[in-house]
């Protein structure tokens, strides 16, 4: 069976808006929403999912979501956020809910979450892409052998040198994927 190609997308900062808030001991940072009121999906996501499918690739969300574990988010709100994310039409969603000190292999920047998708979907990671907004996303993609694309946000200027490509938007990231696929298939 021929291996498939995937476009992995991070949730917060790519699919949904990242929220600026004070984190104890870390200062102001962008992160996941802590309530349904904060959960806002970017308007171009459904178009992006369709576009990935039209290119013959899988669209898969790969996301760290430890906030129920940390007590920042209720299980009910988390489940509803994930229901709304699934409703966008992704082929699959892989979630790491572990805290930073649990030593799991799935929490980005470790590549475990991408390897789980690889096994389930028969994915060729070396021909696949990850689109994220943090060096953690890029680190996971590089560790798994994917091409990495960072969507430029006001909070990630220091992370831009870590990615293979920096895009101004999700649509621009997919323009790059489409062009890369055309070159590889020429």
Foldseek 3Di string as FASTA:
>chain_A
DDAAAAEEEECDPAQWDWDWDQDVPPGTDTHDDQAPVRTGGDPCLLVLCVLCVVVVHAYEYQYEAQCVVVVSHPPVRVVVSVVVVVVSPGPYYFYHNDDPPPPDQRFFVRQPSVVVVCVVRVHDLLLYEYEYAELRRLSNSVNSNHQYEHADDPRHPVNCVSHPYYHVHSVRVVVVSVVVVVVVVD
